[in-house]
Structure formats: C-alpha cells, structure tokens
Amino acid sequence: MYFIAGVDIGGTAIKVGIFKSSDLELLSTFSIETPKKDPQGLDIFEDIIKGLKTHFSELNFEFKDLIGISLAVPCPVVEGYVTLAANLPWKNINVVNEMKKRLSNENILVCAINDANAAVMGENFLLDTPAKNLVFFTLGTSIGGGIIVNSQLLEGVHGYSGEFAHMIVDYRDKKVCGCGQKGCLEHKCSTAAVLEYAKELVEIKKMPSILDFKNLTVRGIFDNVSIDKVSKKVFDRYCKYLAICAANIALIIDPEIFIIGGGISHAGDPLIKNIKKYYNKYARFNSKSIPFVLAKRRNQAGIFGTVCYLKQFLG
C-alpha cells in the first residue's frame, strides 16, 4: 500500500492527513504547532517531515511507501513559488523545492496549492455529486475562496483567483484597504470590520445594545441577532455585502452552487438564509436559483483538497 500526505499549513498550526494513494481514503490525521524560531520559516519544512516520520512509525507504516506530499499554503502560490505570505515569514521562496531538499527519497512527488483553493477542491470532492462549476467562500478573519470551472480549479496567472476580499462592493466607502483600494469587501466583512461597525453603532449612532464590548467577538454578535438590534444590523450588513459579491461573481462564473465555509460559517443556517435573502435582491436572471450551502468538512477541507490536487499529477 502506498500513501500520500495532505499538509495544511496555517500561521499557528499545521494539519496533516495520511491517505491511501489509490482511492484517497483518509487513514489518519495529526497536527503540529507551526514553528516560529527560524526568521525565514524554513523550519516549517523540517518539522513537517519530522512529524510525518514520527506518525508513520506510530502507525507501523513504512516511510518509503510515501509517494506524495501536497502542501496547502496560506498565500498565492504559482508553480511552487511564494512571493509573500501574510501570516508566515516566507518571502520569495519555492516551497516545493524547499520541501524536496529535505527529503531523502527523491521519488516523492511534492506540490503546493493555495489553502483556499485546496478547500474548494476538498469540499467539492466531499459533495454527493461533485459540481463542475462552483464558488467557495471562506469566511473568517478575512474573506477568501476558490473557484472551479468546467471541473478545473481556476488559479489565475498570478495565483490570485478567489481573492474575494478585494472585490469592490461599495464605491461610496472612503476607507483605504490594505490593498490600496477603497470599497473592498474586506472593509465590510472581515472580523475587524464587523467589530468596528458594532462599536460605531453604539458609540456614534448611540444604538442600545446588550453586547459585551470588553470581550466582543463576531460569534458573540451573530449569536445575539434575534435579541439585539445592533447585532441584527451588523449581521444584515455582513450578509448584504457578501451577497453583492456573490451576485457579481455569478454573472461571470454562473456556478451550480455556492459553498460557505470558514469559522464564521458556524453561524449555520441563519447565515445561509440571510445571505440568500439579500442575494435574491441583487442577483440577475437565472442566477437567483443558485443554492447556498454550508461546507461539510470545514477544518479538514484543506487536507482533502490538497491531496485531490496532487492526485492529478500522480495519474
């Protein structure tokens, strides 16, 4: 039996899945803390290999039977090359080559994919009937996503496909985004934007609220939508601008389905229903019929998707 490893690299933790190469059956998972000692972040590759060897030994698997490692990385990546990673110290490195340098077995295939693109492939793989055309949103600290068109992952020339956070959704917005533009979705639906808007409603608009502003979280806001006017207004704005983004994407991609993942997707069905309510207002033509569903695997979507990506190269 041969194995492949799916590795989802995050700023605080690295999640790893061991799969049968033949049918992508998930055999085991483990995680390690993302190392931070090396200012260049090269110890990440060493710790991944060390973790894999330790785990293989615990499972009584032969490390020589590992034939592929696929990396999901939290930044744009083109043919293994990363220019800059926001939450890692990587800068102008080829992550595939760095991993290969540390492997004694040169026959192990190594590839890399953006983590949101990995997640969209993973969620699609786990659908009862995988879609040929879909759009995946990751809702968390920021907004990311992935796109599949004609059963192929859409990465773009520079690896920026699916960077929905920087779609302009409000031309009236005067705040400048980190990308240098105004009116980005980032300024409406990022964690920071949600918390800032809630505080603005209370401090400037003088709206009464039951929220605990000393320990304010997005989850705390969304959990109180039914009983707090500030929470309801923040929630509605969030869903409105996400729906505008989705409606614009639908006119370009015309997907079969929108999948909503990321930490904020834990808000569940109320989130989906409210996004759909606003989406129906802004969508055009038959795109109003496109369904929105919650992601199934969430935290494991990345490791599933990255091995799906690697499987294409194994044949």
C-alpha atoms as a PDB file:
ATOM      1  CA  MET A   1       0.000   0.000   0.000  1.00  0.00           C
ATOM      2  CA  TYR A   2       1.241   3.470  -0.913  1.00  0.00           C
ATOM      3  CA  PHE A   3       0.445   6.733   0.825  1.00  0.00           C
ATOM      4  CA  ILE A   4       0.165  10.442   0.145  1.00  0.00           C
ATOM      5  CA  ALA A   5       0.156  13.226   2.728  1.00  0.00           C
ATOM      6  CA  GLY A   6      -2.031  16.315   2.675  1.00  0.00           C
ATOM      7  CA  VAL A   7      -0.484  19.159   4.675  1.00  0.00           C
ATOM      8  CA  ASP A   8      -2.497  22.295   5.514  1.00  0.00           C
ATOM      9  CA  ILE A   9      -0.061  24.973   6.744  1.00  0.00           C
ATOM     10  CA  GLY A  10      -1.501  27.721   8.908  1.00  0.00           C
ATOM     11  CA  GLY A  11       0.005  30.561  10.883  1.00  0.00           C
ATOM     12  CA  THR A  12      -0.489  28.782  14.218  1.00  0.00           C
ATOM     13  CA  ALA A  13      -0.939  25.090  13.365  1.00  0.00           C
ATOM     14  CA  ILE A  14      -0.139  22.602  10.625  1.00  0.00           C
ATOM     15  CA  LYS A  15      -2.771  19.912   9.968  1.00  0.00           C
ATOM     16  CA  VAL A  16      -1.694  16.693   8.249  1.00  0.00           C
ATOM     17  CA  GLY A  17      -3.717  13.843   6.776  1.00  0.00           C
ATOM     18  CA  ILE A  18      -2.347  10.470   5.645  1.00  0.00           C
ATOM     19  CA  PHE A  19      -4.289   8.997   2.699  1.00  0.00           C
ATOM     20  CA  LYS A  20      -4.225   5.809   0.655  1.00  0.00           C
ATOM     21  CA  SER A  21      -2.928   6.869  -2.732  1.00  0.00           C
ATOM     22  CA  SER A  22      -5.270   4.521  -4.613  1.00  0.00           C
ATOM     23  CA  ASP A  23      -8.648   5.896  -3.508  1.00  0.00           C
ATOM     24  CA  LEU A  24      -7.852   8.862  -1.210  1.00  0.00           C
ATOM     25  CA  GLU A  25      -9.190   7.096   1.857  1.00  0.00           C
ATOM     26  CA  LEU A  26      -8.223   9.132   4.922  1.00  0.00           C
ATOM     27  CA  LEU A  27      -6.279   6.830   7.250  1.00  0.00           C
ATOM     28  CA  SER A  28      -5.057   9.146   9.987  1.00  0.00           C
ATOM     29  CA  THR A  29      -4.579  12.785  10.937  1.00  0.00           C
ATOM     30  CA  PHE A  30      -2.311  14.723  13.247  1.00  0.00           C
ATOM     31  CA  SER A  31      -1.315  18.323  13.819  1.00  0.00           C
ATOM     32  CA  ILE A  32       1.761  20.173  14.977  1.00  0.00           C
ATOM     33  CA  GLU A  33       2.349  23.732  16.084  1.00  0.00           C
ATOM     34  CA  THR A  34       3.711  25.976  13.349  1.00  0.00           C
ATOM     35  CA  PRO A  35       7.361  26.645  14.286  1.00  0.00           C
ATOM     36  CA  LYS A  36       8.413  30.258  14.581  1.00  0.00           C
ATOM     37  CA  LYS A  37      12.118  30.109  15.506  1.00  0.00           C
ATOM     38  CA  ASP A  38      13.564  30.464  12.001  1.00  0.00           C
ATOM     39  CA  PRO A  39      13.119  34.064  10.738  1.00  0.00           C
ATOM     40  CA  GLN A  40      12.824  32.675   7.200  1.00  0.00           C
ATOM     41  CA  GLY A  41      10.303  29.997   8.156  1.00  0.00           C
ATOM     42  CA  LEU A  42      12.368  27.153   6.716  1.00  0.00           C
ATOM     43  CA  ASP A  43      11.995  25.085   9.895  1.00  0.00           C
ATOM     44  CA  ILE A  44       8.385  24.538   8.819  1.00  0.00           C
ATOM     45  CA  PHE A  45       9.522  22.003   6.201  1.00  0.00           C
ATOM     46  CA  GLU A  46      11.806  20.213   8.645  1.00  0.00           C
ATOM     47  CA  ASP A  47       9.067  19.915  11.264  1.00  0.00           C
ATOM     48  CA  ILE A  48       6.588  18.577   8.710  1.00  0.00           C
ATOM     49  CA  ILE A  49       8.966  15.796   7.673  1.00  0.00           C
ATOM     50  CA  LYS A  50       9.841  15.040  11.291  1.00  0.00           C
ATOM     51  CA  GLY A  51       6.137  14.842  12.144  1.00  0.00           C
ATOM     52  CA  LEU A  52       5.407  12.581   9.171  1.00  0.00           C
ATOM     53  CA  LYS A  53       8.209  10.167  10.053  1.00  0.00           C
ATOM     54  CA  THR A  54       7.103  10.001  13.692  1.00  0.00           C
ATOM     55  CA  HIS A  55       3.477   9.408  12.726  1.00  0.00           C
ATOM     56  CA  PHE A  56       4.355   6.763  10.143  1.00  0.00           C
ATOM     57  CA  SER A  57       6.335   4.939  12.807  1.00  0.00           C
ATOM     58  CA  GLU A  58       3.399   5.076  15.234  1.00  0.00           C
ATOM     59  CA  LEU A  59       1.108   3.623  12.550  1.00  0.00           C
ATOM     60  CA  ASN A  60       3.660   0.928  11.600  1.00  0.00           C
ATOM     61  CA  PHE A  61       3.759   2.325   8.069  1.00  0.00           C
ATOM     62  CA  GLU A  62       6.961   2.409   6.017  1.00  0.00           C
ATOM     63  CA  PHE A  63       8.024   5.965   5.208  1.00  0.00           C
ATOM     64  CA  LYS A  64       9.488   4.692   1.933  1.00  0.00           C
ATOM     65  CA  ASP A  65       5.888   3.966   0.848  1.00  0.00           C
ATOM     66  CA  LEU A  66       5.045   7.678   0.949  1.00  0.00           C
ATOM     67  CA  ILE A  67       4.854   8.712  -2.714  1.00  0.00           C
ATOM     68  CA  GLY A  68       3.499  12.255  -2.489  1.00  0.00           C
ATOM     69  CA  ILE A  69       3.252  15.326  -0.257  1.00  0.00           C
ATOM     70  CA  SER A  70       0.892  18.152  -1.115  1.00  0.00           C
ATOM     71  CA  LEU A  71       1.112  21.484   0.687  1.00  0.00           C
ATOM     72  CA  ALA A  72      -1.811  23.864   1.193  1.00  0.00           C
ATOM     73  CA  VAL A  73      -0.260  27.273   1.866  1.00  0.00           C
ATOM     74  CA  PRO A  74      -1.942  30.469   3.183  1.00  0.00           C
ATOM     75  CA  CYS A  75      -0.895  32.708   0.299  1.00  0.00           C
ATOM     76  CA  PRO A  76      -0.838  32.859  -3.512  1.00  0.00           C
ATOM     77  CA  VAL A  77       1.479  30.223  -4.977  1.00  0.00           C
ATOM     78  CA  VAL A  78       2.454  29.707  -8.627  1.00  0.00           C
ATOM     79  CA  GLU A  79       4.344  26.526  -9.588  1.00  0.00           C
ATOM     80  CA  GLY A  80       5.541  26.223  -6.007  1.00  0.00           C
ATOM     81  CA  TYR A  81       6.798  29.795  -5.784  1.00  0.00           C
ATOM     82  CA  VAL A  82       5.633  32.100  -2.981  1.00  0.00           C
ATOM     83  CA  THR A  83       6.374  35.824  -3.184  1.00  0.00           C
ATOM     84  CA  LEU A  84       4.966  36.728   0.214  1.00  0.00           C
ATOM     85  CA  ALA A  85       2.885  35.063   2.930  1.00  0.00           C
ATOM     86  CA  ALA A  86       0.946  37.352   5.263  1.00  0.00           C
ATOM     87  CA  ASN A  87       0.957  35.014   8.276  1.00  0.00           C
ATOM     88  CA  LEU A  88       4.295  33.266   7.702  1.00  0.00           C
ATOM     89  CA  PRO A  89       7.844  34.630   7.336  1.00  0.00           C
ATOM     90  CA  TRP A  90       8.191  33.234   3.797  1.00  0.00           C
ATOM     91  CA  LYS A  91       9.406  35.682   1.182  1.00  0.00           C
ATOM     92  CA  ASN A  92      10.432  34.866  -2.388  1.00  0.00           C
ATOM     93  CA  ILE A  93      10.908  31.121  -1.886  1.00  0.00           C
ATOM     94  CA  ASN A  94       9.932  27.998  -3.764  1.00  0.00           C
ATOM     95  CA  VAL A  95       8.161  25.929  -1.118  1.00  0.00           C
ATOM     96  CA  VAL A  96       8.168  22.812  -3.287  1.00  0.00           C
ATOM     97  CA  ASN A  97      11.927  22.929  -3.732  1.00  0.00           C
ATOM     98  CA  GLU A  98      12.478  23.643  -0.033  1.00  0.00           C
ATOM     99  CA  MET A  99      10.480  20.532   0.871  1.00  0.00           C
ATOM    100  CA  LYS A 100      12.291  18.396  -1.718  1.00  0.00           C
ATOM    101  CA  LYS A 101      15.681  19.473  -0.374  1.00  0.00           C
ATOM    102  CA  ARG A 102      14.819  17.900   2.956  1.00  0.00           C
ATOM    103  CA  LEU A 103      13.543  14.588   1.614  1.00  0.00           C
ATOM    104  CA  SER A 104      15.997  11.722   1.250  1.00  0.00           C
ATOM    105  CA  ASN A 105      13.657   9.990  -1.220  1.00  0.00           C
ATOM    106  CA  GLU A 106      13.790  11.949  -4.471  1.00  0.00           C
ATOM    107  CA  ASN A 107      10.890   9.925  -5.889  1.00  0.00           C
ATOM    108  CA  ILE A 108       8.344  11.597  -3.581  1.00  0.00           C
ATOM    109  CA  LEU A 109       6.173  13.960  -5.619  1.00  0.00           C
ATOM    110  CA  VAL A 110       5.729  17.365  -3.961  1.00  0.00           C
ATOM    111  CA  CYS A 111       3.282  20.087  -4.989  1.00  0.00           C
ATOM    112  CA  ALA A 112       1.739  23.205  -3.444  1.00  0.00           C
ATOM    113  CA  ILE A 113      -1.627  24.935  -3.711  1.00  0.00           C
ATOM    114  CA  ASN A 114      -3.239  27.956  -2.067  1.00  0.00           C
ATOM    115  CA  ASP A 115      -5.154  26.839   1.039  1.00  0.00           C
ATOM    116  CA  ALA A 116      -8.498  28.324  -0.064  1.00  0.00           C
ATOM    117  CA  ASN A 117      -8.133  26.614  -3.448  1.00  0.00           C
ATOM    118  CA  ALA A 118      -7.379  23.388  -1.603  1.00  0.00           C
ATOM    119  CA  ALA A 119     -10.514  23.865   0.490  1.00  0.00           C
ATOM    120  CA  VAL A 120     -12.741  24.317  -2.568  1.00  0.00           C
ATOM    121  CA  MET A 121     -11.368  21.105  -4.086  1.00  0.00           C
ATOM    122  CA  GLY A 122     -11.853  19.291  -0.782  1.00  0.00           C
ATOM    123  CA  GLU A 123     -15.434  20.444  -0.326  1.00  0.00           C
ATOM    124  CA  ASN A 124     -16.275  19.561  -3.920  1.00  0.00           C
ATOM    125  CA  PHE A 125     -14.709  16.115  -3.500  1.00  0.00           C
ATOM    126  CA  LEU A 126     -16.968  15.541  -0.486  1.00  0.00           C
ATOM    127  CA  LEU A 127     -20.217  16.523  -2.226  1.00  0.00           C
ATOM    128  CA  ASP A 128     -22.547  13.611  -3.066  1.00  0.00           C
ATOM    129  CA  THR A 129     -22.158  14.643  -6.697  1.00  0.00           C
ATOM    130  CA  PRO A 130     -19.114  16.875  -7.297  1.00  0.00           C
ATOM    131  CA  ALA A 131     -20.015  20.059  -9.167  1.00  0.00           C
ATOM    132  CA  LYS A 132     -18.420  21.043 -12.451  1.00  0.00           C
ATOM    133  CA  ASN A 133     -18.785  24.730 -11.619  1.00  0.00           C
ATOM    134  CA  LEU A 134     -18.788  26.099  -8.078  1.00  0.00           C
ATOM    135  CA  VAL A 135     -17.691  29.003  -5.917  1.00  0.00           C
ATOM    136  CA  PHE A 136     -16.422  28.561  -2.367  1.00  0.00           C
ATOM    137  CA  PHE A 137     -16.238  31.326   0.255  1.00  0.00           C
ATOM    138  CA  THR A 138     -14.048  31.081   3.351  1.00  0.00           C
ATOM    139  CA  LEU A 139     -15.403  33.472   5.967  1.00  0.00           C
ATOM    140  CA  GLY A 140     -13.047  34.217   8.816  1.00  0.00           C
ATOM    141  CA  THR A 141     -10.567  36.884   9.832  1.00  0.00           C
ATOM    142  CA  SER A 142     -10.685  37.899   6.177  1.00  0.00           C
ATOM    143  CA  ILE A 143     -12.603  36.632   3.151  1.00  0.00           C
ATOM    144  CA  GLY A 144     -11.093  34.147   0.743  1.00  0.00           C
ATOM    145  CA  GLY A 145     -12.326  31.491  -1.590  1.00  0.00           C
ATOM    146  CA  GLY A 146     -11.872  29.321  -4.592  1.00  0.00           C
ATOM    147  CA  ILE A 147     -13.463  28.708  -7.968  1.00  0.00           C
ATOM    148  CA  ILE A 148     -13.932  25.588 -10.071  1.00  0.00           C
ATOM    149  CA  VAL A 149     -14.904  25.962 -13.733  1.00  0.00           C
ATOM    150  CA  ASN A 150     -15.555  23.002 -16.023  1.00  0.00           C
ATOM    151  CA  SER A 151     -14.219  20.679 -13.291  1.00  0.00           C
ATOM    152  CA  GLN A 152     -10.886  22.542 -13.227  1.00  0.00           C
ATOM    153  CA  LEU A 153      -9.554  24.690 -10.412  1.00  0.00           C
ATOM    154  CA  LEU A 154      -9.262  28.314 -11.506  1.00  0.00           C
ATOM    155  CA  GLU A 155      -5.994  29.677 -10.086  1.00  0.00           C
ATOM    156  CA  GLY A 156      -5.210  32.566 -12.431  1.00  0.00           C
ATOM    157  CA  VAL A 157      -1.902  33.683 -13.921  1.00  0.00           C
ATOM    158  CA  HIS A 158      -0.667  35.188 -10.644  1.00  0.00           C
ATOM    159  CA  GLY A 159      -2.468  32.830  -8.243  1.00  0.00           C
ATOM    160  CA  TYR A 160      -4.946  35.475  -7.065  1.00  0.00           C
ATOM    161  CA  SER A 161      -8.161  33.853  -8.287  1.00  0.00           C
ATOM    162  CA  GLY A 162     -10.611  33.678  -5.388  1.00  0.00           C
ATOM    163  CA  GLU A 163      -9.279  36.725  -3.530  1.00  0.00           C
ATOM    164  CA  PHE A 164     -12.844  37.914  -2.985  1.00  0.00           C
ATOM    165  CA  ALA A 165     -11.852  40.169  -0.070  1.00  0.00           C
ATOM    166  CA  HIS A 166     -10.682  42.796  -2.533  1.00  0.00           C
ATOM    167  CA  MET A 167     -13.693  42.930  -4.812  1.00  0.00           C
ATOM    168  CA  ILE A 168     -15.160  46.448  -4.710  1.00  0.00           C
ATOM    169  CA  VAL A 169     -18.689  46.241  -3.291  1.00  0.00           C
ATOM    170  CA  ASP A 170     -19.240  49.823  -2.073  1.00  0.00           C
ATOM    171  CA  TYR A 171     -17.895  52.653  -4.220  1.00  0.00           C
ATOM    172  CA  ARG A 172     -19.007  55.190  -1.538  1.00  0.00           C
ATOM    173  CA  ASP A 173     -16.616  53.793   1.062  1.00  0.00           C
ATOM    174  CA  LYS A 174     -13.849  56.303   1.785  1.00  0.00           C
ATOM    175  CA  LYS A 175     -11.623  53.995   3.842  1.00  0.00           C
ATOM    176  CA  VAL A 176      -8.479  52.757   2.118  1.00  0.00           C
ATOM    177  CA  CYS A 177      -7.967  48.987   2.265  1.00  0.00           C
ATOM    178  CA  GLY A 178      -4.583  47.363   2.849  1.00  0.00           C
ATOM    179  CA  CYS A 179      -4.518  46.605  -0.874  1.00  0.00           C
ATOM    180  CA  GLY A 180      -4.616  50.353  -1.609  1.00  0.00           C
ATOM    181  CA  GLN A 181      -8.167  50.413  -2.982  1.00  0.00           C
ATOM    182  CA  LYS A 182     -11.422  51.732  -1.489  1.00  0.00           C
ATOM    183  CA  GLY A 183     -14.734  49.920  -1.099  1.00  0.00           C
ATOM    184  CA  CYS A 184     -13.367  46.378  -0.751  1.00  0.00           C
ATOM    185  CA  LEU A 185     -15.416  43.558   0.722  1.00  0.00           C
ATOM    186  CA  GLU A 186     -12.641  43.337   3.316  1.00  0.00           C
ATOM    187  CA  HIS A 187     -13.913  46.595   4.830  1.00  0.00           C
ATOM    188  CA  LYS A 188     -17.404  45.163   5.272  1.00  0.00           C
ATOM    189  CA  CYS A 189     -16.954  41.505   6.129  1.00  0.00           C
ATOM    190  CA  SER A 190     -13.576  40.981   7.770  1.00  0.00           C
ATOM    191  CA  THR A 191     -13.543  40.302  11.516  1.00  0.00           C
ATOM    192  CA  ALA A 192     -12.088  43.753  12.166  1.00  0.00           C
ATOM    193  CA  ALA A 193     -14.784  45.419  10.039  1.00  0.00           C
ATOM    194  CA  VAL A 194     -17.589  43.594  11.848  1.00  0.00           C
ATOM    195  CA  LEU A 195     -16.314  44.583  15.296  1.00  0.00           C
ATOM    196  CA  GLU A 196     -15.645  48.162  14.216  1.00  0.00           C
ATOM    197  CA  TYR A 197     -19.163  48.565  12.808  1.00  0.00           C
ATOM    198  CA  ALA A 198     -20.759  47.235  16.005  1.00  0.00           C
ATOM    199  CA  LYS A 199     -18.765  49.754  18.070  1.00  0.00           C
ATOM    200  CA  GLU A 200     -19.655  52.546  15.651  1.00  0.00           C
ATOM    201  CA  LEU A 201     -23.374  51.829  16.000  1.00  0.00           C
ATOM    202  CA  VAL A 202     -23.162  52.069  19.784  1.00  0.00           C
ATOM    203  CA  GLU A 203     -20.605  54.863  20.231  1.00  0.00           C
ATOM    204  CA  ILE A 204     -21.555  57.129  17.317  1.00  0.00           C
ATOM    205  CA  LYS A 205     -25.116  56.159  16.400  1.00  0.00           C
ATOM    206  CA  LYS A 206     -25.981  55.672  20.096  1.00  0.00           C
ATOM    207  CA  MET A 207     -27.927  52.468  19.500  1.00  0.00           C
ATOM    208  CA  PRO A 208     -28.619  50.480  22.698  1.00  0.00           C
ATOM    209  CA  SER A 209     -27.072  47.001  22.880  1.00  0.00           C
ATOM    210  CA  ILE A 210     -26.704  44.046  25.235  1.00  0.00           C
ATOM    211  CA  LEU A 211     -23.286  43.156  23.784  1.00  0.00           C
ATOM    212  CA  ASP A 212     -20.210  42.899  25.994  1.00  0.00           C
ATOM    213  CA  PHE A 213     -17.869  45.353  24.274  1.00  0.00           C
ATOM    214  CA  LYS A 214     -14.950  44.456  26.545  1.00  0.00           C
ATOM    215  CA  ASN A 215     -14.949  40.912  25.143  1.00  0.00           C
ATOM    216  CA  LEU A 216     -16.525  41.482  21.750  1.00  0.00           C
ATOM    217  CA  THR A 217     -16.337  38.724  19.123  1.00  0.00           C
ATOM    218  CA  VAL A 218     -18.033  38.104  15.781  1.00  0.00           C
ATOM    219  CA  ARG A 219     -19.600  34.962  17.205  1.00  0.00           C
ATOM    220  CA  GLY A 220     -20.912  36.943  20.177  1.00  0.00           C
ATOM    221  CA  ILE A 221     -22.562  39.386  17.771  1.00  0.00           C
ATOM    222  CA  PHE A 222     -24.046  36.759  15.471  1.00  0.00           C
ATOM    223  CA  ASP A 223     -25.341  34.687  18.403  1.00  0.00           C
ATOM    224  CA  ASN A 224     -27.454  37.644  19.571  1.00  0.00           C
ATOM    225  CA  VAL A 225     -29.092  38.587  16.269  1.00  0.00           C
ATOM    226  CA  SER A 226     -32.583  37.616  17.462  1.00  0.00           C
ATOM    227  CA  ILE A 227     -32.481  39.728  20.649  1.00  0.00           C
ATOM    228  CA  ASP A 228     -30.129  42.651  19.961  1.00  0.00           C
ATOM    229  CA  LYS A 229     -30.734  45.419  17.410  1.00  0.00           C
ATOM    230  CA  VAL A 230     -27.037  46.198  16.970  1.00  0.00           C
ATOM    231  CA  SER A 231     -26.245  42.539  16.330  1.00  0.00           C
ATOM    232  CA  LYS A 232     -29.088  42.324  13.786  1.00  0.00           C
ATOM    233  CA  LYS A 233     -27.873  45.426  11.930  1.00  0.00           C
ATOM    234  CA  VAL A 234     -24.266  44.180  11.840  1.00  0.00           C
ATOM    235  CA  PHE A 235     -25.382  40.722  10.711  1.00  0.00           C
ATOM    236  CA  ASP A 236     -27.593  42.167   7.972  1.00  0.00           C
ATOM    237  CA  ARG A 237     -24.790  44.373   6.626  1.00  0.00           C
ATOM    238  CA  TYR A 238     -22.405  41.404   6.591  1.00  0.00           C
ATOM    239  CA  CYS A 239     -24.837  39.254   4.612  1.00  0.00           C
ATOM    240  CA  LYS A 240     -25.778  42.113   2.276  1.00  0.00           C
ATOM    241  CA  TYR A 241     -22.241  42.796   1.086  1.00  0.00           C
ATOM    242  CA  LEU A 242     -21.351  39.129   0.835  1.00  0.00           C
ATOM    243  CA  ALA A 243     -24.470  38.694  -1.307  1.00  0.00           C
ATOM    244  CA  ILE A 244     -23.442  41.604  -3.558  1.00  0.00           C
ATOM    245  CA  CYS A 245     -20.064  39.930  -4.055  1.00  0.00           C
ATOM    246  CA  ALA A 246     -21.727  36.582  -4.847  1.00  0.00           C
ATOM    247  CA  ALA A 247     -24.170  38.205  -7.268  1.00  0.00           C
ATOM    248  CA  ASN A 248     -21.292  39.804  -9.184  1.00  0.00           C
ATOM    249  CA  ILE A 249     -19.395  36.521  -9.302  1.00  0.00           C
ATOM    250  CA  ALA A 250     -22.499  34.685 -10.535  1.00  0.00           C
ATOM    251  CA  LEU A 251     -22.673  36.930 -13.606  1.00  0.00           C
ATOM    252  CA  ILE A 252     -19.119  35.881 -14.517  1.00  0.00           C
ATOM    253  CA  ILE A 253     -18.886  32.262 -13.390  1.00  0.00           C
ATOM    254  CA  ASP A 254     -22.545  31.141 -13.346  1.00  0.00           C
ATOM    255  CA  PRO A 255     -21.817  28.344 -10.823  1.00  0.00           C
ATOM    256  CA  GLU A 256     -24.037  25.431  -9.883  1.00  0.00           C
ATOM    257  CA  ILE A 257     -23.583  26.103  -6.175  1.00  0.00           C
ATOM    258  CA  PHE A 258     -22.074  28.475  -3.602  1.00  0.00           C
ATOM    259  CA  ILE A 259     -20.414  26.771  -0.623  1.00  0.00           C
ATOM    260  CA  ILE A 260     -19.884  28.788   2.558  1.00  0.00           C
ATOM    261  CA  GLY A 261     -17.019  27.721   4.836  1.00  0.00           C
ATOM    262  CA  GLY A 262     -14.574  29.200   7.337  1.00  0.00           C
ATOM    263  CA  GLY A 263     -15.016  29.952  11.025  1.00  0.00           C
ATOM    264  CA  ILE A 264     -17.971  32.302  10.547  1.00  0.00           C
ATOM    265  CA  SER A 265     -19.895  29.565   8.736  1.00  0.00           C
ATOM    266  CA  HIS A 266     -20.506  28.100  12.204  1.00  0.00           C
ATOM    267  CA  ALA A 267     -23.349  30.645  12.382  1.00  0.00           C
ATOM    268  CA  GLY A 268     -25.158  27.946  10.401  1.00  0.00           C
ATOM    269  CA  ASP A 269     -28.491  28.058   8.623  1.00  0.00           C
ATOM    270  CA  PRO A 270     -29.439  31.607   9.728  1.00  0.00           C
ATOM    271  CA  LEU A 271     -26.324  32.857   7.938  1.00  0.00           C
ATOM    272  CA  ILE A 272     -27.198  30.964   4.767  1.00  0.00           C
ATOM    273  CA  LYS A 273     -30.832  32.149   4.804  1.00  0.00           C
ATOM    274  CA  ASN A 274     -29.873  35.785   5.305  1.00  0.00           C
ATOM    275  CA  ILE A 275     -27.208  35.741   2.602  1.00  0.00           C
ATOM    276  CA  LYS A 276     -29.735  34.157   0.238  1.00  0.00           C
ATOM    277  CA  LYS A 277     -32.334  36.818   1.101  1.00  0.00           C
ATOM    278  CA  TYR A 278     -30.003  39.604   0.024  1.00  0.00           C
ATOM    279  CA  TYR A 279     -28.601  37.590  -2.863  1.00  0.00           C
ATOM    280  CA  ASN A 280     -32.093  37.270  -4.360  1.00  0.00           C
ATOM    281  CA  LYS A 281     -32.323  41.067  -4.267  1.00  0.00           C
ATOM    282  CA  TYR A 282     -29.067  41.663  -6.156  1.00  0.00           C
ATOM    283  CA  ALA A 283     -28.778  38.597  -8.402  1.00  0.00           C
ATOM    284  CA  ARG A 284     -29.917  38.753 -12.003  1.00  0.00           C
ATOM    285  CA  PHE A 285     -31.511  36.353 -14.457  1.00  0.00           C
ATOM    286  CA  ASN A 286     -31.496  32.649 -13.601  1.00  0.00           C
ATOM    287  CA  SER A 287     -28.581  33.099 -11.194  1.00  0.00           C
ATOM    288  CA  LYS A 288     -31.186  33.662  -8.443  1.00  0.00           C
ATOM    289  CA  SER A 289     -31.744  29.907  -8.407  1.00  0.00           C
ATOM    290  CA  ILE A 290     -28.141  29.084  -7.415  1.00  0.00           C
ATOM    291  CA  PRO A 291     -28.184  27.449  -3.958  1.00  0.00           C
ATOM    292  CA  PHE A 292     -26.000  28.362  -0.977  1.00  0.00           C
ATOM    293  CA  VAL A 293     -24.891  25.517   1.309  1.00  0.00           C
ATOM    294  CA  LEU A 294     -22.639  25.179   4.334  1.00  0.00           C
ATOM    295  CA  ALA A 295     -19.263  23.492   3.954  1.00  0.00           C
ATOM    296  CA  LYS A 296     -19.196  19.921   5.261  1.00  0.00           C
ATOM    297  CA  ARG A 297     -15.601  19.313   6.322  1.00  0.00           C
ATOM    298  CA  ARG A 298     -14.547  22.825   7.305  1.00  0.00           C
ATOM    299  CA  ASN A 299     -11.241  22.268   9.137  1.00  0.00           C
ATOM    300  CA  GLN A 300     -10.415  19.120   7.132  1.00  0.00           C
ATOM    301  CA  ALA A 301     -11.330  20.511   3.711  1.00  0.00           C
ATOM    302  CA  GLY A 302      -7.763  21.717   3.137  1.00  0.00           C
ATOM    303  CA  ILE A 303      -6.084  18.362   3.637  1.00  0.00           C
ATOM    304  CA  PHE A 304      -8.681  16.629   1.442  1.00  0.00           C
ATOM    305  CA  GLY A 305      -8.379  19.240  -1.282  1.00  0.00           C
ATOM    306  CA  THR A 306      -4.614  19.336  -1.384  1.00  0.00           C
ATOM    307  CA  VAL A 307      -4.407  15.565  -1.956  1.00  0.00           C
ATOM    308  CA  CYS A 308      -7.065  15.855  -4.669  1.00  0.00           C
ATOM    309  CA  TYR A 309      -4.786  18.410  -6.301  1.00  0.00           C
ATOM    310  CA  LEU A 310      -1.755  16.124  -6.014  1.00  0.00           C
ATOM    311  CA  LYS A 311      -3.702  13.129  -7.326  1.00  0.00           C
ATOM    312  CA  GLN A 312      -3.973  14.867 -10.717  1.00  0.00           C
ATOM    313  CA  PHE A 313      -0.197  14.616 -11.124  1.00  0.00           C
ATOM    314  CA  LEU A 314       0.052  11.012  -9.919  1.00  0.00           C
ATOM    315  CA  GLY A 315      -2.354   9.818 -12.589  1.00  0.00           C
END
